[in-house]
C-alpha atoms as a PDB file:
ATOM      1  CA  MET A   1       0.152  -0.135   0.060  1.00  0.00           C
ATOM      2  CA  PRO A   2       1.510   3.500  -0.763  1.00  0.00           C
ATOM      3  CA  VAL A   3       2.414   5.789   1.951  1.00  0.00           C
ATOM      4  CA  SER A   4       3.014   9.570   0.967  1.00  0.00           C
ATOM      5  CA  GLU A   5       5.350  11.034   3.205  1.00  0.00           C
ATOM      6  CA  ASP A   6       4.622  14.255   1.997  1.00  0.00           C
ATOM      7  CA  ARG A   7       1.098  14.281   3.283  1.00  0.00           C
ATOM      8  CA  GLY A   8       2.184  12.980   6.668  1.00  0.00           C
ATOM      9  CA  ILE A   9       0.400   9.594   7.229  1.00  0.00           C
ATOM     10  CA  ARG A  10       2.276   7.601   8.980  1.00  0.00           C
ATOM     11  CA  PRO A  11       2.222   3.533   8.822  1.00  0.00           C
ATOM     12  CA  ALA A  12       1.823   3.543  12.327  1.00  0.00           C
ATOM     13  CA  ARG A  13      -0.999   5.459  12.037  1.00  0.00           C
ATOM     14  CA  LEU A  14      -2.623   3.188   9.420  1.00  0.00           C
ATOM     15  CA  VAL A  15      -2.379   0.004  11.597  1.00  0.00           C
ATOM     16  CA  LEU A  16      -4.086   1.678  14.300  1.00  0.00           C
ATOM     17  CA  ALA A  17      -6.667   2.766  11.655  1.00  0.00           C
ATOM     18  CA  TYR A  18      -7.455  -0.442  10.698  1.00  0.00           C
ATOM     19  CA  ALA A  19      -7.295  -2.017  14.020  1.00  0.00           C
ATOM     20  CA  VAL A  20      -9.588   0.283  15.447  1.00  0.00           C
ATOM     21  CA  SER A  21     -11.944   1.262  12.698  1.00  0.00           C
ATOM     22  CA  PRO A  22     -13.687  -2.011  11.910  1.00  0.00           C
ATOM     23  CA  ILE A  23     -14.975  -2.214  15.132  1.00  0.00           C
ATOM     24  CA  VAL A  24     -18.059   0.386  14.347  1.00  0.00           C
ATOM     25  CA  PRO A  25     -20.299  -1.552  12.792  1.00  0.00           C
ATOM     26  CA  PRO A  26     -20.614  -4.897  14.896  1.00  0.00           C
ATOM     27  CA  THR A  27     -20.850  -2.412  18.121  1.00  0.00           C
ATOM     28  CA  LEU A  28     -23.767  -0.558  16.359  1.00  0.00           C
ATOM     29  CA  MET A  29     -25.497  -3.982  15.517  1.00  0.00           C
ATOM     30  CA  GLY A  30     -24.539  -4.972  18.855  1.00  0.00           C
ATOM     31  CA  LEU A  31     -26.513  -1.739  20.370  1.00  0.00           C
ATOM     32  CA  LEU A  32     -29.557  -1.939  18.346  1.00  0.00           C
ATOM     33  CA  MET A  33     -29.823  -5.918  19.145  1.00  0.00           C
ATOM     34  CA  LEU A  34     -29.230  -5.293  22.706  1.00  0.00           C
ATOM     35  CA  PRO A  35     -33.106  -5.331  23.524  1.00  0.00           C
ATOM     36  CA  LEU A  36     -33.321  -8.675  21.499  1.00  0.00           C
ATOM     37  CA  SER A  37     -30.923 -10.471  23.758  1.00  0.00           C
ATOM     38  CA  ILE A  38     -33.741 -10.472  26.533  1.00  0.00           C
ATOM     39  CA  ASN A  39     -35.936 -13.313  25.449  1.00  0.00           C
ATOM     40  CA  GLU A  40     -34.632 -16.578  25.952  1.00  0.00           C
ATOM     41  CA  ASN A  41     -32.186 -17.340  22.624  1.00  0.00           C
ATOM     42  CA  GLY A  42     -31.484 -13.183  22.283  1.00  0.00           C
ATOM     43  CA  GLY A  43     -28.004 -13.557  23.637  1.00  0.00           C
ATOM     44  CA  GLN A  44     -27.070 -16.487  21.787  1.00  0.00           C
ATOM     45  CA  LEU A  45     -28.203 -14.565  18.606  1.00  0.00           C
ATOM     46  CA  LEU A  46     -26.388 -11.302  19.885  1.00  0.00           C
ATOM     47  CA  ALA A  47     -23.194 -13.364  20.052  1.00  0.00           C
ATOM     48  CA  VAL A  48     -23.241 -15.024  16.686  1.00  0.00           C
ATOM     49  CA  VAL A  49     -24.331 -11.598  15.120  1.00  0.00           C
ATOM     50  CA  PHE A  50     -21.579  -9.578  16.842  1.00  0.00           C
ATOM     51  CA  LEU A  51     -18.913 -12.444  16.193  1.00  0.00           C
ATOM     52  CA  LEU A  52     -19.823 -12.918  12.502  1.00  0.00           C
ATOM     53  CA  SER A  53     -20.380  -9.323  12.066  1.00  0.00           C
ATOM     54  CA  VAL A  54     -16.591  -8.628  13.552  1.00  0.00           C
ATOM     55  CA  CYS A  55     -15.089 -10.913  11.271  1.00  0.00           C
ATOM     56  CA  SER A  56     -16.745  -9.724   8.217  1.00  0.00           C
ATOM     57  CA  SER A  57     -16.392  -6.043   9.255  1.00  0.00           C
ATOM     58  CA  TYR A  58     -12.177  -6.312   9.362  1.00  0.00           C
ATOM     59  CA  ALA A  59     -12.568  -8.843   6.260  1.00  0.00           C
ATOM     60  CA  ILE A  60     -14.448  -6.094   4.215  1.00  0.00           C
ATOM     61  CA  SER A  61     -12.021  -3.315   5.367  1.00  0.00           C
ATOM     62  CA  LEU A  62      -9.315  -5.444   4.103  1.00  0.00           C
ATOM     63  CA  VAL A  63     -10.496  -6.902   0.988  1.00  0.00           C
ATOM     64  CA  ILE A  64     -12.388  -3.519  -0.012  1.00  0.00           C
ATOM     65  CA  GLY A  65     -11.795  -0.545   2.301  1.00  0.00           C
ATOM     66  CA  LEU A  66      -7.581  -1.069   2.360  1.00  0.00           C
ATOM     67  CA  PRO A  67      -7.326  -1.109  -1.744  1.00  0.00           C
ATOM     68  CA  TYR A  68      -9.887   1.948  -1.884  1.00  0.00           C
ATOM     69  CA  PHE A  69      -7.382   3.706   0.254  1.00  0.00           C
ATOM     70  CA  ALA A  70      -4.531   2.758  -1.686  1.00  0.00           C
ATOM     71  CA  LEU A  71      -6.111   3.799  -5.245  1.00  0.00           C
ATOM     72  CA  LEU A  72      -6.997   7.026  -3.410  1.00  0.00           C
ATOM     73  CA  GLN A  73      -3.486   7.050  -2.005  1.00  0.00           C
ATOM     74  CA  LEU A  74      -2.001   6.338  -5.911  1.00  0.00           C
ATOM     75  CA  LEU A  75      -4.343   9.347  -7.125  1.00  0.00           C
ATOM     76  CA  ARG A  76      -3.323  11.484  -4.548  1.00  0.00           C
ATOM     77  CA  LEU A  77      -7.102  12.182  -3.858  1.00  0.00           C
ATOM     78  CA  SER A  78      -7.064  10.382  -0.160  1.00  0.00           C
ATOM     79  CA  SER A  79      -9.183  12.757   1.967  1.00  0.00           C
ATOM     80  CA  ILE A  80     -11.460  12.115   4.830  1.00  0.00           C
ATOM     81  CA  VAL A  81     -14.238  13.295   2.502  1.00  0.00           C
ATOM     82  CA  LEU A  82     -13.471  10.733  -0.449  1.00  0.00           C
ATOM     83  CA  MET A  83     -13.296   7.610   2.085  1.00  0.00           C
ATOM     84  CA  THR A  84     -16.435   8.564   3.704  1.00  0.00           C
ATOM     85  CA  LEU A  85     -18.597   8.836   0.605  1.00  0.00           C
ATOM     86  CA  GLY A  86     -16.608   5.376  -0.715  1.00  0.00           C
ATOM     87  CA  GLY A  87     -17.664   3.988   2.916  1.00  0.00           C
ATOM     88  CA  MET A  88     -21.467   5.013   2.230  1.00  0.00           C
ATOM     89  CA  ILE A  89     -21.194   3.770  -1.313  1.00  0.00           C
ATOM     90  CA  LEU A  90     -19.646   0.204  -0.803  1.00  0.00           C
ATOM     91  CA  GLY A  91     -21.162  -0.039   2.688  1.00  0.00           C
ATOM     92  CA  PRO A  92     -24.667  -1.535   1.872  1.00  0.00           C
ATOM     93  CA  LEU A  93     -22.591  -4.197  -0.177  1.00  0.00           C
ATOM     94  CA  ALA A  94     -20.756  -4.984   2.815  1.00  0.00           C
ATOM     95  CA  TRP A  95     -23.903  -5.119   4.760  1.00  0.00           C
ATOM     96  CA  PHE A  96     -25.666  -7.398   2.133  1.00  0.00           C
ATOM     97  CA  GLY A  97     -22.712  -9.894   2.576  1.00  0.00           C
ATOM     98  CA  THR A  98     -22.811 -10.014   6.428  1.00  0.00           C
ATOM     99  CA  SER A  99     -26.272 -10.185   6.196  1.00  0.00           C
ATOM    100  CA  LEU A 100     -26.002 -13.454   4.171  1.00  0.00           C
ATOM    101  CA  LEU A 101     -23.245 -14.756   6.040  1.00  0.00           C
ATOM    102  CA  ILE A 102     -25.713 -14.379   9.383  1.00  0.00           C
ATOM    103  CA  ALA A 103     -28.688 -16.167   7.486  1.00  0.00           C
ATOM    104  CA  HIS A 104     -26.540 -18.908   6.358  1.00  0.00           C
ATOM    105  CA  PHE A 105     -24.651 -19.719   9.554  1.00  0.00           C
ATOM    106  CA  TYR A 106     -27.340 -18.981  12.108  1.00  0.00           C
ATOM    107  CA  PHE A 107     -30.413 -19.243  10.453  1.00  0.00           C
ATOM    108  CA  GLY A 108     -29.484 -21.923   7.929  1.00  0.00           C
ATOM    109  CA  HIS A 109     -30.566 -20.604   4.779  1.00  0.00           C
ATOM    110  CA  SER A 110     -29.138 -17.962   2.128  1.00  0.00           C
ATOM    111  CA  GLU A 111     -32.163 -16.224   1.169  1.00  0.00           C
ATOM    112  CA  ILE A 112     -32.374 -12.560   2.613  1.00  0.00           C
ATOM    113  CA  SER A 113     -34.043  -9.418   1.223  1.00  0.00           C
ATOM    114  CA  LEU A 114     -33.135  -6.118   2.153  1.00  0.00           C
ATOM    115  CA  ASP A 115     -35.147  -3.099   2.384  1.00  0.00           C
ATOM    116  CA  ALA A 116     -34.355   0.826   2.013  1.00  0.00           C
ATOM    117  CA  ILE A 117     -33.479   0.864   5.771  1.00  0.00           C
ATOM    118  CA  GLU A 118     -31.028  -1.627   5.650  1.00  0.00           C
ATOM    119  CA  PHE A 119     -29.411  -0.120   2.669  1.00  0.00           C
ATOM    120  CA  VAL A 120     -29.188   3.199   4.509  1.00  0.00           C
ATOM    121  CA  PHE A 121     -27.967   1.151   7.723  1.00  0.00           C
ATOM    122  CA  GLY A 122     -25.038  -0.252   5.448  1.00  0.00           C
ATOM    123  CA  ALA A 123     -24.298   3.198   4.063  1.00  0.00           C
ATOM    124  CA  ILE A 124     -23.568   4.653   7.883  1.00  0.00           C
ATOM    125  CA  CYS A 125     -21.740   1.552   9.103  1.00  0.00           C
ATOM    126  CA  GLY A 126     -19.728   2.115   6.059  1.00  0.00           C
ATOM    127  CA  GLY A 127     -19.535   5.723   6.305  1.00  0.00           C
ATOM    128  CA  SER A 128     -18.595   5.277   9.726  1.00  0.00           C
ATOM    129  CA  VAL A 129     -15.787   2.860   9.556  1.00  0.00           C
ATOM    130  CA  ALA A 130     -14.159   5.041   6.596  1.00  0.00           C
ATOM    131  CA  LEU A 131     -14.799   8.190   8.823  1.00  0.00           C
ATOM    132  CA  LEU A 132     -13.049   6.828  11.829  1.00  0.00           C
ATOM    133  CA  PHE A 133      -9.974   5.339   9.502  1.00  0.00           C
ATOM    134  CA  SER A 134      -9.433   8.247   7.628  1.00  0.00           C
ATOM    135  CA  ILE A 135      -9.356  10.182  11.388  1.00  0.00           C
ATOM    136  CA  ILE A 136      -7.118   8.366  13.210  1.00  0.00           C
ATOM    137  CA  ALA A 137      -4.790   8.232   9.754  1.00  0.00           C
ATOM    138  CA  GLY A 138      -4.349  11.755   9.591  1.00  0.00           C
ATOM    139  CA  LEU A 139      -5.914  12.151   6.017  1.00  0.00           C
ATOM    140  CA  PRO A 140      -6.887  15.679   5.678  1.00  0.00           C
ATOM    141  CA  VAL A 141     -10.523  17.007   5.165  1.00  0.00           C
ATOM    142  CA  VAL A 142     -10.624  17.316   1.260  1.00  0.00           C
ATOM    143  CA  PRO A 143      -7.827  16.307  -1.396  1.00  0.00           C
ATOM    144  CA  LYS A 144      -5.184  18.493  -2.198  1.00  0.00           C
ATOM    145  CA  TRP A 145      -6.242  19.492  -5.779  1.00  0.00           C
ATOM    146  CA  SER A 146      -2.912  21.038  -6.703  1.00  0.00           C
ATOM    147  CA  SER A 147      -0.914  18.023  -5.659  1.00  0.00           C
ATOM    148  CA  GLN A 148      -2.978  16.013  -8.038  1.00  0.00           C
ATOM    149  CA  PRO A 149      -0.454  14.392 -10.969  1.00  0.00           C
ATOM    150  CA  ARG A 150      -1.152  16.094 -14.275  1.00  0.00           C
ATOM    151  CA  LEU A 151      -1.717  13.932 -17.492  1.00  0.00           C
ATOM    152  CA  GLU A 152       0.322  14.674 -20.552  1.00  0.00           C
ATOM    153  CA  GLN A 153      -1.532  15.127 -23.470  1.00  0.00           C
ATOM    154  CA  SER A 154       0.020  14.406 -26.869  1.00  0.00           C
ATOM    155  CA  PRO A 155       0.287  16.941 -29.676  1.00  0.00           C
END
């Protein structure tokens, strides 16, 4: 992954950002599901959902989030705004994958339907991971457009 020293991004901050930021969606899901843990099987469901969410959140951050960050770094466009927007766009895809995992492992089937609220929740989760990652990594709020590489035009 390219790390730009002129942008002030240190590898130690990237490691910390990756270690901390993916825990946001499982925490949000756990808090939302806390009232459900009162019934007899609720605690078990909460534990399964949290565990699968943690695993999928880190995997998704590694497979989708870090390559997206590396692409923005390569294009010299990395910023809090573009990372968060990317997280909000990619978040529903990640939410869909996590929902499939939970349906398969806990309920024994792989058929799910997502409605608008789940799409929005996926966008919130993805955006929150990207926002926290960006802040911890020390990205600028907006891209430094003047440092963008120029494309040469042929005569």
